[in-house]
Amino acid sequence: MTLQLETLHKLTLKIAQRIDNTNIEELLSLVQLRDDAIESLNAKSIISEVEQSLLQQIRKEDDLILSRMTALKDEAAEGLNKIAKIRIQKKTYEKMYAGDSYFFDKKE
């Protein structure tokens, strides 16, 4: 268990050090590793002092990582909103012009 927490701690620090360049895949792998660690901790009856210390160090980076996750979520939501607006504009434009209309060119 301690090895799993040490791995989680190292990854957490690595991501925290370069948080502005962290992508969603890296954050997802961190979340998965954290979930696995939580499951392992829940299965244990006693958590050692070393493990408690590692957990406290990991928790120190939570706010920073959470803020990056929120920023990525907001960025994705903004992109989805733009796509939705474009679709609405396209549908509106297509409705204005009937498909069965004809245009005639006149030669002069």
C-alpha atoms as a PDB file:
ATOM      1  CA  MET A   1       0.000   0.000   0.000  1.00  0.00           C
ATOM      2  CA  THR A   2       2.815   2.385   0.843  1.00  0.00           C
ATOM      3  CA  LEU A   3       4.312   1.833  -2.605  1.00  0.00           C
ATOM      4  CA  GLN A   4       0.973   2.713  -4.217  1.00  0.00           C
ATOM      5  CA  LEU A   5       0.754   5.915  -2.177  1.00  0.00           C
ATOM      6  CA  GLU A   6       4.353   6.808  -3.009  1.00  0.00           C
ATOM      7  CA  THR A   7       3.581   6.403  -6.710  1.00  0.00           C
ATOM      8  CA  LEU A   8       0.487   8.555  -6.293  1.00  0.00           C
ATOM      9  CA  HIS A   9       2.495  11.157  -4.383  1.00  0.00           C
ATOM     10  CA  LYS A  10       5.194  11.324  -7.081  1.00  0.00           C
ATOM     11  CA  LEU A  11       2.612  11.672  -9.857  1.00  0.00           C
ATOM     12  CA  THR A  12       0.721  14.318  -7.887  1.00  0.00           C
ATOM     13  CA  LEU A  13       3.882  16.373  -7.391  1.00  0.00           C
ATOM     14  CA  LYS A  14       4.888  15.943 -11.037  1.00  0.00           C
ATOM     15  CA  ILE A  15       1.510  17.191 -12.223  1.00  0.00           C
ATOM     16  CA  ALA A  16       1.474  20.041  -9.693  1.00  0.00           C
ATOM     17  CA  GLN A  17       4.884  21.248 -10.858  1.00  0.00           C
ATOM     18  CA  ARG A  18       3.721  21.592 -14.445  1.00  0.00           C
ATOM     19  CA  ILE A  19       0.032  22.180 -13.835  1.00  0.00           C
ATOM     20  CA  ASP A  20      -0.408  24.742 -16.620  1.00  0.00           C
ATOM     21  CA  ASN A  21       0.811  22.227 -19.207  1.00  0.00           C
ATOM     22  CA  THR A  22      -1.157  19.292 -17.840  1.00  0.00           C
ATOM     23  CA  ASN A  23      -3.750  17.798 -20.168  1.00  0.00           C
ATOM     24  CA  ILE A  24      -6.966  15.982 -19.391  1.00  0.00           C
ATOM     25  CA  GLU A  25      -5.480  12.514 -19.979  1.00  0.00           C
ATOM     26  CA  GLU A  26      -2.837  13.070 -17.313  1.00  0.00           C
ATOM     27  CA  LEU A  27      -5.446  14.288 -14.866  1.00  0.00           C
ATOM     28  CA  LEU A  28      -7.652  11.290 -15.630  1.00  0.00           C
ATOM     29  CA  SER A  29      -4.772   8.908 -14.916  1.00  0.00           C
ATOM     30  CA  LEU A  30      -4.171  10.732 -11.611  1.00  0.00           C
ATOM     31  CA  VAL A  31      -7.840  10.417 -10.678  1.00  0.00           C
ATOM     32  CA  GLN A  32      -7.802   6.695 -11.522  1.00  0.00           C
ATOM     33  CA  LEU A  33      -4.695   6.171  -9.414  1.00  0.00           C
ATOM     34  CA  ARG A  34      -6.323   8.072  -6.549  1.00  0.00           C
ATOM     35  CA  ASP A  35      -9.466   5.941  -6.815  1.00  0.00           C
ATOM     36  CA  ASP A  36      -7.375   2.776  -6.649  1.00  0.00           C
ATOM     37  CA  ALA A  37      -5.516   4.088  -3.599  1.00  0.00           C
ATOM     38  CA  ILE A  38      -8.788   4.982  -1.863  1.00  0.00           C
ATOM     39  CA  GLU A  39     -10.165   1.511  -2.488  1.00  0.00           C
ATOM     40  CA  SER A  40      -7.011  -0.026  -1.046  1.00  0.00           C
ATOM     41  CA  LEU A  41      -7.135   2.256   1.988  1.00  0.00           C
ATOM     42  CA  ASN A  42     -10.792   1.432   2.604  1.00  0.00           C
ATOM     43  CA  ALA A  43      -9.907  -2.262   2.600  1.00  0.00           C
ATOM     44  CA  LYS A  44      -7.318  -1.724   5.338  1.00  0.00           C
ATOM     45  CA  SER A  45      -8.247  -1.430   8.983  1.00  0.00           C
ATOM     46  CA  ILE A  46      -5.166   0.544  10.051  1.00  0.00           C
ATOM     47  CA  ILE A  47      -3.300   3.259   8.155  1.00  0.00           C
ATOM     48  CA  SER A  48       0.361   3.648   9.096  1.00  0.00           C
ATOM     49  CA  GLU A  49       1.941   6.975   9.977  1.00  0.00           C
ATOM     50  CA  VAL A  50       3.987   6.903   6.766  1.00  0.00           C
ATOM     51  CA  GLU A  51       0.798   6.463   4.759  1.00  0.00           C
ATOM     52  CA  GLN A  52      -0.905   9.265   6.692  1.00  0.00           C
ATOM     53  CA  SER A  53       2.032  11.552   5.982  1.00  0.00           C
ATOM     54  CA  LEU A  54       1.892  10.730   2.270  1.00  0.00           C
ATOM     55  CA  LEU A  55      -1.843  11.380   2.216  1.00  0.00           C
ATOM     56  CA  GLN A  56      -1.369  14.778   3.838  1.00  0.00           C
ATOM     57  CA  GLN A  57       1.291  15.703   1.287  1.00  0.00           C
ATOM     58  CA  ILE A  58      -1.002  14.589  -1.546  1.00  0.00           C
ATOM     59  CA  ARG A  59      -3.882  16.644  -0.132  1.00  0.00           C
ATOM     60  CA  LYS A  60      -1.732  19.788  -0.162  1.00  0.00           C
ATOM     61  CA  GLU A  61      -1.865  19.784  -3.962  1.00  0.00           C
ATOM     62  CA  ASP A  62      -5.633  19.194  -4.195  1.00  0.00           C
ATOM     63  CA  ASP A  63      -6.650  22.846  -4.615  1.00  0.00           C
ATOM     64  CA  LEU A  64      -4.127  23.438  -7.384  1.00  0.00           C
ATOM     65  CA  ILE A  65      -5.118  20.308  -9.283  1.00  0.00           C
ATOM     66  CA  LEU A  66      -8.829  20.955  -8.755  1.00  0.00           C
ATOM     67  CA  SER A  67      -8.486  24.474 -10.144  1.00  0.00           C
ATOM     68  CA  ARG A  68      -6.804  23.091 -13.287  1.00  0.00           C
ATOM     69  CA  MET A  69      -9.559  20.501 -13.683  1.00  0.00           C
ATOM     70  CA  THR A  70     -12.178  23.230 -13.337  1.00  0.00           C
ATOM     71  CA  ALA A  71     -10.401  25.365 -15.934  1.00  0.00           C
ATOM     72  CA  LEU A  72     -10.311  22.445 -18.387  1.00  0.00           C
ATOM     73  CA  LYS A  73     -13.997  21.744 -17.723  1.00  0.00           C
ATOM     74  CA  ASP A  74     -14.904  25.374 -18.362  1.00  0.00           C
ATOM     75  CA  GLU A  75     -12.807  25.395 -21.529  1.00  0.00           C
ATOM     76  CA  ALA A  76     -14.606  22.288 -22.780  1.00  0.00           C
ATOM     77  CA  ALA A  77     -18.014  23.752 -21.915  1.00  0.00           C
ATOM     78  CA  GLU A  78     -17.153  26.932 -23.807  1.00  0.00           C
ATOM     79  CA  GLY A  79     -16.156  24.879 -26.842  1.00  0.00           C
ATOM     80  CA  LEU A  80     -19.394  22.899 -26.699  1.00  0.00           C
ATOM     81  CA  ASN A  81     -21.406  26.122 -26.444  1.00  0.00           C
ATOM     82  CA  LYS A  82     -19.672  27.486 -29.545  1.00  0.00           C
ATOM     83  CA  ILE A  83     -20.470  24.308 -31.452  1.00  0.00           C
ATOM     84  CA  ALA A  84     -24.119  24.489 -30.360  1.00  0.00           C
ATOM     85  CA  LYS A  85     -24.368  28.135 -31.497  1.00  0.00           C
ATOM     86  CA  ILE A  86     -22.845  27.272 -34.860  1.00  0.00           C
ATOM     87  CA  ARG A  87     -25.355  24.440 -35.338  1.00  0.00           C
ATOM     88  CA  ILE A  88     -28.254  26.740 -34.479  1.00  0.00           C
ATOM     89  CA  GLN A  89     -27.005  29.380 -36.922  1.00  0.00           C
ATOM     90  CA  LYS A  90     -26.579  26.764 -39.634  1.00  0.00           C
ATOM     91  CA  LYS A  91     -30.091  25.393 -39.108  1.00  0.00           C
ATOM     92  CA  THR A  92     -31.529  28.908 -39.173  1.00  0.00           C
ATOM     93  CA  TYR A  93     -29.689  29.679 -42.385  1.00  0.00           C
ATOM     94  CA  GLU A  94     -30.824  26.440 -44.016  1.00  0.00           C
ATOM     95  CA  LYS A  95     -34.458  27.073 -43.047  1.00  0.00           C
ATOM     96  CA  MET A  96     -34.424  30.465 -44.725  1.00  0.00           C
ATOM     97  CA  TYR A  97     -33.733  28.939 -48.113  1.00  0.00           C
ATOM     98  CA  ALA A  98     -36.072  26.289 -49.394  1.00  0.00           C
ATOM     99  CA  GLY A  99     -34.499  23.413 -51.239  1.00  0.00           C
ATOM    100  CA  ASP A 100     -37.047  23.551 -54.083  1.00  0.00           C
ATOM    101  CA  SER A 101     -36.313  27.102 -55.183  1.00  0.00           C
ATOM    102  CA  TYR A 102     -34.755  27.928 -58.538  1.00  0.00           C
ATOM    103  CA  PHE A 103     -32.525  30.678 -59.791  1.00  0.00           C
ATOM    104  CA  PHE A 104     -32.440  31.808 -63.388  1.00  0.00           C
ATOM    105  CA  ASP A 105     -29.537  33.647 -64.925  1.00  0.00           C
ATOM    106  CA  LYS A 106     -30.286  36.086 -67.606  1.00  0.00           C
ATOM    107  CA  LYS A 107     -27.716  36.800 -70.309  1.00  0.00           C
ATOM    108  CA  GLU A 108     -27.407  40.367 -71.359  1.00  0.00           C
END
